[in-house]
Amino acid sequence: MSPCRPQRPVAMPAALLDPNTVCCLTEDDAVMGDWSEVTRPIPVPNEWTKPFWDAARRGVLELQRCQSCGHFQHPPYATCLKCMSIDLKFEPVGGSGTIYAYTIMNHSGDKRFAPVVPYASIIVELDAAPGALLAGNLLGAPYTEAKVGRRVEVIFERLNDDITLPQFRLAVATPAE
């Protein structure tokens, strides 16, 4: 089944619901949503996530790292998920990585997101923190550009004075040296 075919019937022409249809939207539909029209839910930091959000507000990506085994993890926990150590610290990491997984959001479960549907919600594995996965949206590109293995880089979207949200854009290709 194609990842963009609706999982349940929706109000669409019957031809688009044909099981042989590869995709329910055309390339003309793959426009970038205007995220400035979206009033986002605001994350509420807790004792484990506060260092992550404080760093993001400064425009720095910091992830929790076990000082015993070196494992990076996200979201943060009270213990290392690999060795169970409690010796954990937040460390800055580079914001480049690859799309590990993605989904195309064709329906808005929350009406606040309606202006940007469809959009790509992505999971990124950062180069500097293998195994640690970070969720975000692909911004600045049509949702059809989201592909597993595609190179992305972090950007920071300020939501208010306290919360800045790490998001992602396609990485700028650099010429081979």
C-alpha atoms as a PDB file:
ATOM      1  CA  MET A   1       0.000   0.000   0.000  1.00  0.00           C
ATOM      2  CA  SER A   2       1.281   3.438  -0.892  1.00  0.00           C
ATOM      3  CA  PRO A   3       2.186   5.606   2.135  1.00  0.00           C
ATOM      4  CA  CYS A   4       0.025   8.464   0.855  1.00  0.00           C
ATOM      5  CA  ARG A   5      -3.126   6.450   0.106  1.00  0.00           C
ATOM      6  CA  PRO A   6      -5.845   7.165   2.668  1.00  0.00           C
ATOM      7  CA  GLN A   7      -6.233   4.429   5.281  1.00  0.00           C
ATOM      8  CA  ARG A   8      -9.992   4.956   5.430  1.00  0.00           C
ATOM      9  CA  PRO A   9     -12.516   6.387   3.002  1.00  0.00           C
ATOM     10  CA  VAL A  10     -12.506  10.154   2.661  1.00  0.00           C
ATOM     11  CA  ALA A  11     -14.398  12.536   0.403  1.00  0.00           C
ATOM     12  CA  MET A  12     -12.362  11.993  -2.762  1.00  0.00           C
ATOM     13  CA  PRO A  13     -13.211  11.081  -6.328  1.00  0.00           C
ATOM     14  CA  ALA A  14     -13.589   7.306  -6.701  1.00  0.00           C
ATOM     15  CA  ALA A  15     -10.674   7.155  -9.162  1.00  0.00           C
ATOM     16  CA  LEU A  16      -8.322   8.266  -6.432  1.00  0.00           C
ATOM     17  CA  LEU A  17      -9.429   5.428  -4.166  1.00  0.00           C
ATOM     18  CA  ASP A  18      -8.679   2.785  -6.815  1.00  0.00           C
ATOM     19  CA  PRO A  19      -6.273   0.190  -5.306  1.00  0.00           C
ATOM     20  CA  ASN A  20      -4.043   0.592  -8.370  1.00  0.00           C
ATOM     21  CA  THR A  21      -3.618   4.300  -7.727  1.00  0.00           C
ATOM     22  CA  VAL A  22      -0.046   5.013  -6.706  1.00  0.00           C
ATOM     23  CA  CYS A  23      -0.731   8.298  -4.953  1.00  0.00           C
ATOM     24  CA  CYS A  24      -3.813  10.262  -4.122  1.00  0.00           C
ATOM     25  CA  LEU A  25      -2.297  13.709  -4.713  1.00  0.00           C
ATOM     26  CA  THR A  26      -0.563  15.156  -7.753  1.00  0.00           C
ATOM     27  CA  GLU A  27       2.744  16.993  -7.771  1.00  0.00           C
ATOM     28  CA  ASP A  28       0.770  20.219  -8.167  1.00  0.00           C
ATOM     29  CA  ASP A  29      -0.675  19.518  -4.719  1.00  0.00           C
ATOM     30  CA  ALA A  30       2.795  19.251  -3.162  1.00  0.00           C
ATOM     31  CA  VAL A  31       3.063  22.886  -2.158  1.00  0.00           C
ATOM     32  CA  MET A  32       4.704  24.136   0.985  1.00  0.00           C
ATOM     33  CA  GLY A  33       2.312  24.991   3.784  1.00  0.00           C
ATOM     34  CA  ASP A  34       2.439  28.400   5.440  1.00  0.00           C
ATOM     35  CA  TRP A  35       3.426  27.571   9.026  1.00  0.00           C
ATOM     36  CA  SER A  36       3.046  31.235  10.049  1.00  0.00           C
ATOM     37  CA  GLU A  37      -0.723  30.621  10.058  1.00  0.00           C
ATOM     38  CA  VAL A  38      -0.431  27.769  12.574  1.00  0.00           C
ATOM     39  CA  THR A  39      -0.876  28.360  16.298  1.00  0.00           C
ATOM     40  CA  ARG A  40       1.193  25.489  17.628  1.00  0.00           C
ATOM     41  CA  PRO A  41       0.673  23.650  20.875  1.00  0.00           C
ATOM     42  CA  ILE A  42       3.396  24.782  23.273  1.00  0.00           C
ATOM     43  CA  PRO A  43       5.594  22.077  24.864  1.00  0.00           C
ATOM     44  CA  VAL A  44       5.782  22.164  28.657  1.00  0.00           C
ATOM     45  CA  PRO A  45       9.324  21.432  29.883  1.00  0.00           C
ATOM     46  CA  ASN A  46       9.766  19.140  32.876  1.00  0.00           C
ATOM     47  CA  GLU A  47      12.789  18.275  35.007  1.00  0.00           C
ATOM     48  CA  TRP A  48      14.156  15.916  32.318  1.00  0.00           C
ATOM     49  CA  THR A  49      13.471  18.034  29.226  1.00  0.00           C
ATOM     50  CA  LYS A  50      14.262  21.528  30.556  1.00  0.00           C
ATOM     51  CA  PRO A  51      17.960  21.461  29.487  1.00  0.00           C
ATOM     52  CA  PHE A  52      16.903  20.472  25.944  1.00  0.00           C
ATOM     53  CA  TRP A  53      14.435  23.382  25.700  1.00  0.00           C
ATOM     54  CA  ASP A  54      16.848  25.868  27.318  1.00  0.00           C
ATOM     55  CA  ALA A  55      19.505  24.983  24.714  1.00  0.00           C
ATOM     56  CA  ALA A  56      17.009  25.207  21.834  1.00  0.00           C
ATOM     57  CA  ARG A  57      16.042  28.693  22.999  1.00  0.00           C
ATOM     58  CA  ARG A  58      19.746  29.604  22.582  1.00  0.00           C
ATOM     59  CA  GLY A  59      19.754  28.060  19.075  1.00  0.00           C
ATOM     60  CA  VAL A  60      21.788  25.039  20.189  1.00  0.00           C
ATOM     61  CA  LEU A  61      20.803  21.402  19.930  1.00  0.00           C
ATOM     62  CA  GLU A  62      21.723  19.496  23.111  1.00  0.00           C
ATOM     63  CA  LEU A  63      20.906  15.861  23.779  1.00  0.00           C
ATOM     64  CA  GLN A  64      21.232  13.743  26.878  1.00  0.00           C
ATOM     65  CA  ARG A  65      24.384  11.578  26.912  1.00  0.00           C
ATOM     66  CA  CYS A  66      25.383   8.850  29.313  1.00  0.00           C
ATOM     67  CA  GLN A  67      28.741   9.620  30.867  1.00  0.00           C
ATOM     68  CA  SER A  68      29.334   5.921  31.591  1.00  0.00           C
ATOM     69  CA  CYS A  69      28.827   4.368  28.144  1.00  0.00           C
ATOM     70  CA  GLY A  70      28.633   7.416  25.830  1.00  0.00           C
ATOM     71  CA  HIS A  71      25.121   6.619  24.544  1.00  0.00           C
ATOM     72  CA  PHE A  72      23.016   9.573  23.345  1.00  0.00           C
ATOM     73  CA  GLN A  73      19.270   9.347  23.950  1.00  0.00           C
ATOM     74  CA  HIS A  74      16.218  11.393  23.160  1.00  0.00           C
ATOM     75  CA  PRO A  75      13.775  12.020  24.667  1.00  0.00           C
ATOM     76  CA  PRO A  76      15.640  12.326  27.975  1.00  0.00           C
ATOM     77  CA  TYR A  77      15.134   9.762  30.750  1.00  0.00           C
ATOM     78  CA  ALA A  78      16.204   9.328  34.366  1.00  0.00           C
ATOM     79  CA  THR A  79      18.574   6.508  33.421  1.00  0.00           C
ATOM     80  CA  CYS A  80      20.578   5.494  30.378  1.00  0.00           C
ATOM     81  CA  LEU A  81      18.504   3.178  28.220  1.00  0.00           C
ATOM     82  CA  LYS A  82      21.634   1.227  27.244  1.00  0.00           C
ATOM     83  CA  CYS A  83      23.481   0.652  30.540  1.00  0.00           C
ATOM     84  CA  MET A  84      21.028   1.979  33.180  1.00  0.00           C
ATOM     85  CA  SER A  85      23.557   4.510  34.536  1.00  0.00           C
ATOM     86  CA  ILE A  86      22.210   7.657  36.185  1.00  0.00           C
ATOM     87  CA  ASP A  87      25.320   9.667  35.212  1.00  0.00           C
ATOM     88  CA  LEU A  88      23.677  11.682  32.412  1.00  0.00           C
ATOM     89  CA  LYS A  89      24.484  15.126  31.017  1.00  0.00           C
ATOM     90  CA  PHE A  90      23.282  17.244  28.144  1.00  0.00           C
ATOM     91  CA  GLU A  91      25.881  17.878  25.439  1.00  0.00           C
ATOM     92  CA  PRO A  92      25.746  20.002  22.288  1.00  0.00           C
ATOM     93  CA  VAL A  93      25.467  18.021  19.044  1.00  0.00           C
ATOM     94  CA  GLY A  94      25.550  19.047  15.420  1.00  0.00           C
ATOM     95  CA  GLY A  95      22.183  19.464  13.761  1.00  0.00           C
ATOM     96  CA  SER A  96      22.800  17.518  10.556  1.00  0.00           C
ATOM     97  CA  GLY A  97      21.420  14.060   9.971  1.00  0.00           C
ATOM     98  CA  THR A  98      19.228  11.848   7.829  1.00  0.00           C
ATOM     99  CA  ILE A  99      15.518  11.199   7.701  1.00  0.00           C
ATOM    100  CA  TYR A 100      15.059   7.898   9.532  1.00  0.00           C
ATOM    101  CA  ALA A 101      11.277   7.748   8.992  1.00  0.00           C
ATOM    102  CA  TYR A 102       8.477  10.041   7.901  1.00  0.00           C
ATOM    103  CA  THR A 103       4.754  10.274   7.444  1.00  0.00           C
ATOM    104  CA  ILE A 104       2.724  12.580   5.279  1.00  0.00           C
ATOM    105  CA  MET A 105       0.009  14.220   7.336  1.00  0.00           C
ATOM    106  CA  ASN A 106      -2.971  14.353   4.960  1.00  0.00           C
ATOM    107  CA  HIS A 107      -5.538  15.059   7.659  1.00  0.00           C
ATOM    108  CA  SER A 108      -5.470  17.512  10.504  1.00  0.00           C
ATOM    109  CA  GLY A 109      -6.333  15.803  13.785  1.00  0.00           C
ATOM    110  CA  ASP A 110      -5.944  19.230  15.384  1.00  0.00           C
ATOM    111  CA  LYS A 111      -7.711  22.034  13.483  1.00  0.00           C
ATOM    112  CA  ARG A 112      -4.786  24.382  14.191  1.00  0.00           C
ATOM    113  CA  PHE A 113      -2.732  22.419  11.634  1.00  0.00           C
ATOM    114  CA  ALA A 114      -5.328  22.645   8.837  1.00  0.00           C
ATOM    115  CA  PRO A 115      -3.560  25.503   6.969  1.00  0.00           C
ATOM    116  CA  VAL A 116      -0.458  23.346   6.334  1.00  0.00           C
ATOM    117  CA  VAL A 117      -2.019  19.971   5.473  1.00  0.00           C
ATOM    118  CA  PRO A 118      -0.506  18.034   3.819  1.00  0.00           C
ATOM    119  CA  TYR A 119       2.917  18.252   5.477  1.00  0.00           C
ATOM    120  CA  ALA A 120       5.795  15.923   6.285  1.00  0.00           C
ATOM    121  CA  SER A 121       6.362  14.904   9.886  1.00  0.00           C
ATOM    122  CA  ILE A 122       9.845  13.393  10.100  1.00  0.00           C
ATOM    123  CA  ILE A 123      12.071  11.443  12.478  1.00  0.00           C
ATOM    124  CA  VAL A 124      15.765  12.325  12.155  1.00  0.00           C
ATOM    125  CA  GLU A 125      18.845  10.407  13.231  1.00  0.00           C
ATOM    126  CA  LEU A 126      21.568  12.956  13.896  1.00  0.00           C
ATOM    127  CA  ASP A 127      25.095  12.310  12.598  1.00  0.00           C
ATOM    128  CA  ALA A 128      26.637  13.289  15.930  1.00  0.00           C
ATOM    129  CA  ALA A 129      24.265  11.141  18.029  1.00  0.00           C
ATOM    130  CA  PRO A 130      23.656   7.767  16.331  1.00  0.00           C
ATOM    131  CA  GLY A 131      20.607   6.012  17.741  1.00  0.00           C
ATOM    132  CA  ALA A 132      19.040   9.168  19.162  1.00  0.00           C
ATOM    133  CA  LEU A 133      15.955  10.036  17.140  1.00  0.00           C
ATOM    134  CA  LEU A 134      14.461  13.521  17.005  1.00  0.00           C
ATOM    135  CA  ALA A 135      10.962  14.308  15.707  1.00  0.00           C
ATOM    136  CA  GLY A 136      10.132  17.443  13.759  1.00  0.00           C
ATOM    137  CA  ASN A 137       8.579  18.762  10.587  1.00  0.00           C
ATOM    138  CA  LEU A 138      10.225  19.241   7.213  1.00  0.00           C
ATOM    139  CA  LEU A 139      10.037  22.988   6.568  1.00  0.00           C
ATOM    140  CA  GLY A 140      10.902  25.024   3.500  1.00  0.00           C
ATOM    141  CA  ALA A 141      10.279  22.212   1.017  1.00  0.00           C
ATOM    142  CA  PRO A 142       7.277  20.443  -0.466  1.00  0.00           C
ATOM    143  CA  TYR A 143       6.202  17.457   1.638  1.00  0.00           C
ATOM    144  CA  THR A 144       7.001  15.177  -1.326  1.00  0.00           C
ATOM    145  CA  GLU A 145      10.693  15.857  -0.698  1.00  0.00           C
ATOM    146  CA  ALA A 146      10.604  13.796   2.521  1.00  0.00           C
ATOM    147  CA  LYS A 147      12.417  10.522   1.802  1.00  0.00           C
ATOM    148  CA  VAL A 148      14.165   8.053   4.102  1.00  0.00           C
ATOM    149  CA  GLY A 149      17.909   8.699   3.971  1.00  0.00           C
ATOM    150  CA  ARG A 150      17.533  12.300   2.778  1.00  0.00           C
ATOM    151  CA  ARG A 151      19.983  14.744   4.369  1.00  0.00           C
ATOM    152  CA  VAL A 152      18.488  17.418   6.641  1.00  0.00           C
ATOM    153  CA  GLU A 153      19.707  20.058   9.064  1.00  0.00           C
ATOM    154  CA  VAL A 154      18.162  21.576  12.136  1.00  0.00           C
ATOM    155  CA  ILE A 155      16.616  25.029  12.165  1.00  0.00           C
ATOM    156  CA  PHE A 156      15.064  26.699  15.196  1.00  0.00           C
ATOM    157  CA  GLU A 157      11.523  28.043  15.171  1.00  0.00           C
ATOM    158  CA  ARG A 158      10.751  30.467  17.994  1.00  0.00           C
ATOM    159  CA  LEU A 159       7.254  29.850  19.354  1.00  0.00           C
ATOM    160  CA  ASN A 160       7.375  32.328  22.248  1.00  0.00           C
ATOM    161  CA  ASP A 161       9.908  33.818  24.693  1.00  0.00           C
ATOM    162  CA  ASP A 162      10.401  30.465  26.443  1.00  0.00           C
ATOM    163  CA  ILE A 163      10.089  27.816  23.737  1.00  0.00           C
ATOM    164  CA  THR A 164      12.033  27.440  20.524  1.00  0.00           C
ATOM    165  CA  LEU A 165      11.234  24.351  18.501  1.00  0.00           C
ATOM    166  CA  PRO A 166      13.937  22.411  16.638  1.00  0.00           C
ATOM    167  CA  GLN A 167      12.642  21.710  13.118  1.00  0.00           C
ATOM    168  CA  PHE A 168      14.356  20.525   9.946  1.00  0.00           C
ATOM    169  CA  ARG A 169      15.016  21.630   6.376  1.00  0.00           C
ATOM    170  CA  LEU A 170      16.702  19.838   3.520  1.00  0.00           C
ATOM    171  CA  ALA A 171      20.482  20.091   3.820  1.00  0.00           C
ATOM    172  CA  VAL A 172      22.221  22.338   1.369  1.00  0.00           C
ATOM    173  CA  ALA A 173      24.375  20.169  -0.879  1.00  0.00           C
ATOM    174  CA  THR A 174      28.007  21.176  -0.814  1.00  0.00           C
ATOM    175  CA  PRO A 175      30.192  20.658  -3.876  1.00  0.00           C
ATOM    176  CA  ALA A 176      32.661  17.763  -3.648  1.00  0.00           C
ATOM    177  CA  GLU A 177      36.161  18.946  -2.829  1.00  0.00           C
END
